[in-house]
């Protein structure tokens, strides 16, 4: 990307200017969510929508369809731990990086784990390819979460107190921790090949903490 004011070039993954007058400057990451429109509209019926011009297709449509294209022409997957076009949820915490594959999250809507020694939890409703990550510590105590299906919606609760929480905002809705908020971890859905290229030392979170790899 480039900005029209200074013509500086920006990395979409890093949110940082890599060339030009603003080289080295970083943009503030605003929490966002990539999900299915039907699911979002059901949760947030008053949403304002930016409508694309009629007939305008995505310039990346062919790129998304072709499993062999993993970047600019000639690029190859830099890390063989996953196929390059695997969609992952990339996270940043304390200048460290981790990624959780969406195929894993699809079968584990609540994933408790650790990232750089910090207890975390990732919430991901089935079928949406949406994810939110939080530090799962409240008042110095690490919580363990589980999911409960409530009228087809993802509801989460911590096992210790039975408090229910919002998977989107990290707010405790009911129980002893009502009104408390989990600290959100910045993240983005991105192809593994791209994430691994920018963050070659990334951790890979591929299962619930304490469970063997074959589960």
C-alpha atoms as a PDB file:
ATOM      1  CA  UNK A   1       0.000   0.000   0.000  1.00  0.00           C
ATOM      2  CA  UNK A   2       1.008   3.649  -0.286  1.00  0.00           C
ATOM      3  CA  UNK A   3      -0.398   6.807   1.268  1.00  0.00           C
ATOM      4  CA  UNK A   4      -1.263   9.655  -1.068  1.00  0.00           C
ATOM      5  CA  UNK A   5       0.116  12.364   1.217  1.00  0.00           C
ATOM      6  CA  UNK A   6       3.775  11.273   1.298  1.00  0.00           C
ATOM      7  CA  UNK A   7       3.809   8.314  -1.152  1.00  0.00           C
ATOM      8  CA  UNK A   8       5.403   6.209   1.568  1.00  0.00           C
ATOM      9  CA  UNK A   9       5.051   2.453   1.028  1.00  0.00           C
ATOM     10  CA  UNK A  10       3.349   0.445   3.770  1.00  0.00           C
ATOM     11  CA  UNK A  11       3.270  -3.244   4.698  1.00  0.00           C
ATOM     12  CA  UNK A  12      -0.274  -4.507   5.204  1.00  0.00           C
ATOM     13  CA  UNK A  13       0.867  -7.265   7.557  1.00  0.00           C
ATOM     14  CA  UNK A  14       3.168  -5.084   9.666  1.00  0.00           C
ATOM     15  CA  UNK A  15       1.119  -1.875   9.519  1.00  0.00           C
ATOM     16  CA  UNK A  16       4.449  -0.103   9.116  1.00  0.00           C
ATOM     17  CA  UNK A  17       5.972   2.189   6.488  1.00  0.00           C
ATOM     18  CA  UNK A  18       8.831   0.309   4.817  1.00  0.00           C
ATOM     19  CA  UNK A  19      10.002   3.035   2.399  1.00  0.00           C
ATOM     20  CA  UNK A  20       9.551   6.769   1.910  1.00  0.00           C
ATOM     21  CA  UNK A  21       9.404   9.809   4.224  1.00  0.00           C
ATOM     22  CA  UNK A  22       7.482   7.874   6.923  1.00  0.00           C
ATOM     23  CA  UNK A  23       9.734   4.799   6.887  1.00  0.00           C
ATOM     24  CA  UNK A  24       9.680   3.093  10.298  1.00  0.00           C
ATOM     25  CA  UNK A  25       6.402   4.670  11.425  1.00  0.00           C
ATOM     26  CA  UNK A  26       3.716   2.238  12.644  1.00  0.00           C
ATOM     27  CA  UNK A  27      -0.067   2.526  12.451  1.00  0.00           C
ATOM     28  CA  UNK A  28      -2.207   1.778  15.482  1.00  0.00           C
ATOM     29  CA  UNK A  29      -4.048  -1.513  15.020  1.00  0.00           C
ATOM     30  CA  UNK A  30      -7.797  -1.192  15.528  1.00  0.00           C
ATOM     31  CA  UNK A  31      -9.561  -4.381  16.680  1.00  0.00           C
ATOM     32  CA  UNK A  32     -11.542  -5.858  13.813  1.00  0.00           C
ATOM     33  CA  UNK A  33     -13.316  -9.039  12.865  1.00  0.00           C
ATOM     34  CA  UNK A  34     -13.557 -10.886   9.556  1.00  0.00           C
ATOM     35  CA  UNK A  35     -16.682 -13.018   9.580  1.00  0.00           C
ATOM     36  CA  UNK A  36     -19.789 -14.028   7.657  1.00  0.00           C
ATOM     37  CA  UNK A  37     -22.173 -11.161   6.955  1.00  0.00           C
ATOM     38  CA  UNK A  38     -25.239 -13.123   8.115  1.00  0.00           C
ATOM     39  CA  UNK A  39     -23.620 -13.893  11.469  1.00  0.00           C
ATOM     40  CA  UNK A  40     -22.449 -10.306  11.984  1.00  0.00           C
ATOM     41  CA  UNK A  41     -25.828  -8.827  11.043  1.00  0.00           C
ATOM     42  CA  UNK A  42     -27.602 -11.104  13.492  1.00  0.00           C
ATOM     43  CA  UNK A  43     -25.346  -9.929  16.333  1.00  0.00           C
ATOM     44  CA  UNK A  44     -25.227  -6.266  15.246  1.00  0.00           C
ATOM     45  CA  UNK A  45     -28.410  -5.410  13.291  1.00  0.00           C
ATOM     46  CA  UNK A  46     -27.707  -1.633  13.326  1.00  0.00           C
ATOM     47  CA  UNK A  47     -24.390  -1.950  11.463  1.00  0.00           C
ATOM     48  CA  UNK A  48     -23.505   0.634   8.806  1.00  0.00           C
ATOM     49  CA  UNK A  49     -22.240  -0.973   5.591  1.00  0.00           C
ATOM     50  CA  UNK A  50     -19.713   0.276   3.045  1.00  0.00           C
ATOM     51  CA  UNK A  51     -21.124  -0.859  -0.308  1.00  0.00           C
ATOM     52  CA  UNK A  52     -18.765  -1.503  -3.206  1.00  0.00           C
ATOM     53  CA  UNK A  53     -19.661  -0.058  -6.640  1.00  0.00           C
ATOM     54  CA  UNK A  54     -21.943  -2.349  -8.648  1.00  0.00           C
ATOM     55  CA  UNK A  55     -20.117  -4.936 -10.718  1.00  0.00           C
ATOM     56  CA  UNK A  56     -16.745  -4.370  -9.049  1.00  0.00           C
ATOM     57  CA  UNK A  57     -15.017  -7.674  -8.343  1.00  0.00           C
ATOM     58  CA  UNK A  58     -12.112  -8.254  -5.990  1.00  0.00           C
ATOM     59  CA  UNK A  59      -8.694  -7.823  -7.576  1.00  0.00           C
ATOM     60  CA  UNK A  60      -7.589 -10.774  -5.446  1.00  0.00           C
ATOM     61  CA  UNK A  61     -10.313 -13.225  -6.554  1.00  0.00           C
ATOM     62  CA  UNK A  62      -7.960 -15.342  -8.696  1.00  0.00           C
ATOM     63  CA  UNK A  63      -5.257 -15.204  -6.024  1.00  0.00           C
ATOM     64  CA  UNK A  64      -7.630 -16.618  -3.401  1.00  0.00           C
ATOM     65  CA  UNK A  65      -8.743 -19.415  -5.728  1.00  0.00           C
ATOM     66  CA  UNK A  66      -5.254 -20.628  -6.678  1.00  0.00           C
ATOM     67  CA  UNK A  67      -3.633 -22.706  -3.876  1.00  0.00           C
ATOM     68  CA  UNK A  68      -0.208 -22.360  -5.501  1.00  0.00           C
ATOM     69  CA  UNK A  69      -0.119 -18.560  -5.329  1.00  0.00           C
ATOM     70  CA  UNK A  70       1.284 -17.578  -1.934  1.00  0.00           C
ATOM     71  CA  UNK A  71       2.501 -14.031  -2.548  1.00  0.00           C
ATOM     72  CA  UNK A  72       4.074 -12.127  -5.408  1.00  0.00           C
ATOM     73  CA  UNK A  73       4.975 -14.148  -8.513  1.00  0.00           C
ATOM     74  CA  UNK A  74       7.557 -16.807  -7.733  1.00  0.00           C
ATOM     75  CA  UNK A  75       7.040 -16.774  -3.953  1.00  0.00           C
ATOM     76  CA  UNK A  76       7.148 -20.071  -2.055  1.00  0.00           C
ATOM     77  CA  UNK A  77       5.932 -21.066   1.392  1.00  0.00           C
ATOM     78  CA  UNK A  78       8.814 -20.263   3.765  1.00  0.00           C
ATOM     79  CA  UNK A  79       7.711 -22.613   6.582  1.00  0.00           C
ATOM     80  CA  UNK A  80       6.707 -26.221   5.889  1.00  0.00           C
ATOM     81  CA  UNK A  81       4.795 -26.674   9.136  1.00  0.00           C
ATOM     82  CA  UNK A  82       1.574 -25.803   7.277  1.00  0.00           C
ATOM     83  CA  UNK A  83       0.495 -25.537   3.611  1.00  0.00           C
ATOM     84  CA  UNK A  84       0.990 -21.961   2.417  1.00  0.00           C
ATOM     85  CA  UNK A  85      -2.669 -21.207   1.775  1.00  0.00           C
ATOM     86  CA  UNK A  86      -3.794 -22.385   5.231  1.00  0.00           C
ATOM     87  CA  UNK A  87      -5.746 -19.561   6.829  1.00  0.00           C
ATOM     88  CA  UNK A  88      -4.398 -18.779  10.289  1.00  0.00           C
ATOM     89  CA  UNK A  89      -5.173 -16.286  13.024  1.00  0.00           C
ATOM     90  CA  UNK A  90      -1.914 -14.385  13.506  1.00  0.00           C
ATOM     91  CA  UNK A  91      -1.333 -12.757  16.903  1.00  0.00           C
ATOM     92  CA  UNK A  92       1.112 -10.268  18.396  1.00  0.00           C
ATOM     93  CA  UNK A  93       1.911 -10.127  22.103  1.00  0.00           C
ATOM     94  CA  UNK A  94       4.890  -8.444  23.780  1.00  0.00           C
ATOM     95  CA  UNK A  95       6.728  -8.234  20.437  1.00  0.00           C
ATOM     96  CA  UNK A  96       6.303 -12.004  19.975  1.00  0.00           C
ATOM     97  CA  UNK A  97       4.237 -13.712  17.284  1.00  0.00           C
ATOM     98  CA  UNK A  98       1.996 -16.770  17.125  1.00  0.00           C
ATOM     99  CA  UNK A  99      -0.513 -18.287  14.720  1.00  0.00           C
ATOM    100  CA  UNK A 100      -3.479 -20.617  15.196  1.00  0.00           C
ATOM    101  CA  UNK A 101      -4.747 -22.471  12.079  1.00  0.00           C
ATOM    102  CA  UNK A 102      -8.442 -21.959  11.348  1.00  0.00           C
ATOM    103  CA  UNK A 103      -8.887 -25.694  10.543  1.00  0.00           C
ATOM    104  CA  UNK A 104      -7.992 -26.298  14.211  1.00  0.00           C
ATOM    105  CA  UNK A 105     -10.231 -23.491  15.460  1.00  0.00           C
ATOM    106  CA  UNK A 106     -13.139 -24.862  13.413  1.00  0.00           C
ATOM    107  CA  UNK A 107     -13.128 -27.934  15.657  1.00  0.00           C
ATOM    108  CA  UNK A 108     -12.163 -26.073  18.854  1.00  0.00           C
ATOM    109  CA  UNK A 109     -14.353 -22.967  19.267  1.00  0.00           C
ATOM    110  CA  UNK A 110     -12.603 -22.337  22.601  1.00  0.00           C
ATOM    111  CA  UNK A 111      -8.847 -22.939  22.606  1.00  0.00           C
ATOM    112  CA  UNK A 112      -6.949 -22.503  25.884  1.00  0.00           C
ATOM    113  CA  UNK A 113      -3.179 -22.295  25.524  1.00  0.00           C
ATOM    114  CA  UNK A 114      -0.101 -20.202  26.333  1.00  0.00           C
ATOM    115  CA  UNK A 115       1.723 -17.668  24.190  1.00  0.00           C
ATOM    116  CA  UNK A 116       5.229 -16.624  25.255  1.00  0.00           C
ATOM    117  CA  UNK A 117       4.425 -17.984  28.718  1.00  0.00           C
ATOM    118  CA  UNK A 118       1.211 -15.950  29.019  1.00  0.00           C
ATOM    119  CA  UNK A 119      -2.117 -17.835  29.396  1.00  0.00           C
ATOM    120  CA  UNK A 120      -4.362 -17.043  26.411  1.00  0.00           C
ATOM    121  CA  UNK A 121      -7.687 -18.165  24.993  1.00  0.00           C
ATOM    122  CA  UNK A 122      -8.931 -18.009  21.405  1.00  0.00           C
ATOM    123  CA  UNK A 123     -12.677 -17.929  20.700  1.00  0.00           C
ATOM    124  CA  UNK A 124     -13.894 -18.911  17.210  1.00  0.00           C
ATOM    125  CA  UNK A 125     -17.541 -19.648  16.276  1.00  0.00           C
ATOM    126  CA  UNK A 126     -17.864 -22.704  14.035  1.00  0.00           C
ATOM    127  CA  UNK A 127     -18.198 -21.963  10.330  1.00  0.00           C
ATOM    128  CA  UNK A 128     -17.369 -18.245  10.512  1.00  0.00           C
ATOM    129  CA  UNK A 129     -13.561 -18.148  10.128  1.00  0.00           C
ATOM    130  CA  UNK A 130     -13.699 -15.455  12.803  1.00  0.00           C
ATOM    131  CA  UNK A 131     -11.489 -15.416  15.881  1.00  0.00           C
ATOM    132  CA  UNK A 132     -10.787 -13.300  18.948  1.00  0.00           C
ATOM    133  CA  UNK A 133      -7.817 -13.832  21.262  1.00  0.00           C
ATOM    134  CA  UNK A 134      -7.487 -12.677  24.863  1.00  0.00           C
ATOM    135  CA  UNK A 135      -5.188 -13.021  27.817  1.00  0.00           C
ATOM    136  CA  UNK A 136      -7.180 -15.321  30.133  1.00  0.00           C
ATOM    137  CA  UNK A 137      -5.964 -13.902  33.445  1.00  0.00           C
ATOM    138  CA  UNK A 138      -8.242 -11.951  35.792  1.00  0.00           C
ATOM    139  CA  UNK A 139      -6.998 -10.512  39.101  1.00  0.00           C
ATOM    140  CA  UNK A 140      -3.810 -12.554  38.771  1.00  0.00           C
ATOM    141  CA  UNK A 141      -5.649 -15.868  38.269  1.00  0.00           C
ATOM    142  CA  UNK A 142      -5.493 -17.825  35.007  1.00  0.00           C
ATOM    143  CA  UNK A 143      -8.966 -18.956  33.913  1.00  0.00           C
ATOM    144  CA  UNK A 144      -9.829 -21.985  31.791  1.00  0.00           C
ATOM    145  CA  UNK A 145     -12.735 -21.559  29.394  1.00  0.00           C
ATOM    146  CA  UNK A 146     -15.235 -23.905  27.775  1.00  0.00           C
ATOM    147  CA  UNK A 147     -17.977 -23.354  25.232  1.00  0.00           C
ATOM    148  CA  UNK A 148     -21.703 -23.819  25.617  1.00  0.00           C
ATOM    149  CA  UNK A 149     -24.082 -23.831  22.658  1.00  0.00           C
ATOM    150  CA  UNK A 150     -26.919 -21.421  23.403  1.00  0.00           C
ATOM    151  CA  UNK A 151     -29.622 -21.320  20.694  1.00  0.00           C
ATOM    152  CA  UNK A 152     -26.979 -21.940  18.049  1.00  0.00           C
ATOM    153  CA  UNK A 153     -24.712 -19.141  19.266  1.00  0.00           C
ATOM    154  CA  UNK A 154     -21.298 -19.462  20.822  1.00  0.00           C
ATOM    155  CA  UNK A 155     -21.404 -18.782  24.550  1.00  0.00           C
ATOM    156  CA  UNK A 156     -18.307 -19.211  26.702  1.00  0.00           C
ATOM    157  CA  UNK A 157     -17.810 -19.628  30.425  1.00  0.00           C
ATOM    158  CA  UNK A 158     -14.874 -20.104  32.741  1.00  0.00           C
ATOM    159  CA  UNK A 159     -14.819 -23.499  34.410  1.00  0.00           C
ATOM    160  CA  UNK A 160     -13.756 -22.210  37.821  1.00  0.00           C
ATOM    161  CA  UNK A 161     -16.717 -19.930  38.551  1.00  0.00           C
ATOM    162  CA  UNK A 162     -19.199 -20.696  35.786  1.00  0.00           C
ATOM    163  CA  UNK A 163     -19.208 -17.015  34.764  1.00  0.00           C
ATOM    164  CA  UNK A 164     -20.391 -16.409  31.195  1.00  0.00           C
ATOM    165  CA  UNK A 165     -18.399 -14.182  28.845  1.00  0.00           C
ATOM    166  CA  UNK A 166     -18.754 -12.494  25.465  1.00  0.00           C
ATOM    167  CA  UNK A 167     -16.451 -14.142  22.935  1.00  0.00           C
ATOM    168  CA  UNK A 168     -16.372 -10.905  20.905  1.00  0.00           C
ATOM    169  CA  UNK A 169     -15.619  -8.299  23.592  1.00  0.00           C
ATOM    170  CA  UNK A 170     -14.095 -10.441  26.337  1.00  0.00           C
ATOM    171  CA  UNK A 171     -16.539  -8.957  28.872  1.00  0.00           C
ATOM    172  CA  UNK A 172     -17.972 -11.081  31.671  1.00  0.00           C
ATOM    173  CA  UNK A 173     -21.754 -10.946  31.264  1.00  0.00           C
ATOM    174  CA  UNK A 174     -22.895 -12.928  34.279  1.00  0.00           C
ATOM    175  CA  UNK A 175     -21.318 -14.438  37.384  1.00  0.00           C
ATOM    176  CA  UNK A 176     -18.708 -13.446  39.994  1.00  0.00           C
ATOM    177  CA  UNK A 177     -16.577 -11.671  37.382  1.00  0.00           C
ATOM    178  CA  UNK A 178     -19.478  -9.675  35.888  1.00  0.00           C
ATOM    179  CA  UNK A 179     -18.211  -6.416  34.361  1.00  0.00           C
ATOM    180  CA  UNK A 180     -14.586  -7.586  34.172  1.00  0.00           C
ATOM    181  CA  UNK A 181     -12.831  -7.594  30.793  1.00  0.00           C
ATOM    182  CA  UNK A 182     -10.209  -9.930  29.392  1.00  0.00           C
ATOM    183  CA  UNK A 183      -7.301  -8.117  27.742  1.00  0.00           C
ATOM    184  CA  UNK A 184      -7.518  -8.472  23.988  1.00  0.00           C
ATOM    185  CA  UNK A 185      -4.568  -9.680  21.907  1.00  0.00           C
ATOM    186  CA  UNK A 186      -4.194  -7.993  18.483  1.00  0.00           C
ATOM    187  CA  UNK A 187      -4.627 -10.447  15.637  1.00  0.00           C
ATOM    188  CA  UNK A 188      -5.600 -10.916  12.004  1.00  0.00           C
ATOM    189  CA  UNK A 189      -6.749 -13.680   9.644  1.00  0.00           C
ATOM    190  CA  UNK A 190      -3.964 -14.238   7.101  1.00  0.00           C
ATOM    191  CA  UNK A 191      -2.479 -16.966   4.937  1.00  0.00           C
ATOM    192  CA  UNK A 192       0.248 -18.996   6.658  1.00  0.00           C
ATOM    193  CA  UNK A 193       2.805 -18.329   3.901  1.00  0.00           C
ATOM    194  CA  UNK A 194       2.421 -14.574   4.345  1.00  0.00           C
ATOM    195  CA  UNK A 195       2.444 -14.626   8.152  1.00  0.00           C
ATOM    196  CA  UNK A 196       5.475 -16.932   8.297  1.00  0.00           C
ATOM    197  CA  UNK A 197       7.395 -14.800   5.816  1.00  0.00           C
ATOM    198  CA  UNK A 198       7.000 -11.647   7.892  1.00  0.00           C
ATOM    199  CA  UNK A 199       7.367 -13.493  11.222  1.00  0.00           C
ATOM    200  CA  UNK A 200       9.740 -16.434  10.686  1.00  0.00           C
ATOM    201  CA  UNK A 201      10.081 -17.094  14.430  1.00  0.00           C
ATOM    202  CA  UNK A 202       6.324 -17.390  14.972  1.00  0.00           C
ATOM    203  CA  UNK A 203       4.896 -19.908  17.425  1.00  0.00           C
ATOM    204  CA  UNK A 204       2.291 -22.322  16.066  1.00  0.00           C
ATOM    205  CA  UNK A 205      -0.675 -22.996  18.350  1.00  0.00           C
ATOM    206  CA  UNK A 206      -2.262 -26.126  16.937  1.00  0.00           C
ATOM    207  CA  UNK A 207      -4.135 -27.736  19.837  1.00  0.00           C
ATOM    208  CA  UNK A 208      -5.753 -27.246  23.216  1.00  0.00           C
ATOM    209  CA  UNK A 209      -3.104 -26.931  25.930  1.00  0.00           C
ATOM    210  CA  UNK A 210      -2.294 -30.302  27.451  1.00  0.00           C
ATOM    211  CA  UNK A 211      -3.878 -32.374  24.678  1.00  0.00           C
ATOM    212  CA  UNK A 212      -1.745 -34.647  22.443  1.00  0.00           C
ATOM    213  CA  UNK A 213      -1.137 -33.780  18.803  1.00  0.00           C
ATOM    214  CA  UNK A 214      -3.285 -36.640  17.490  1.00  0.00           C
ATOM    215  CA  UNK A 215      -6.491 -35.370  19.112  1.00  0.00           C
END
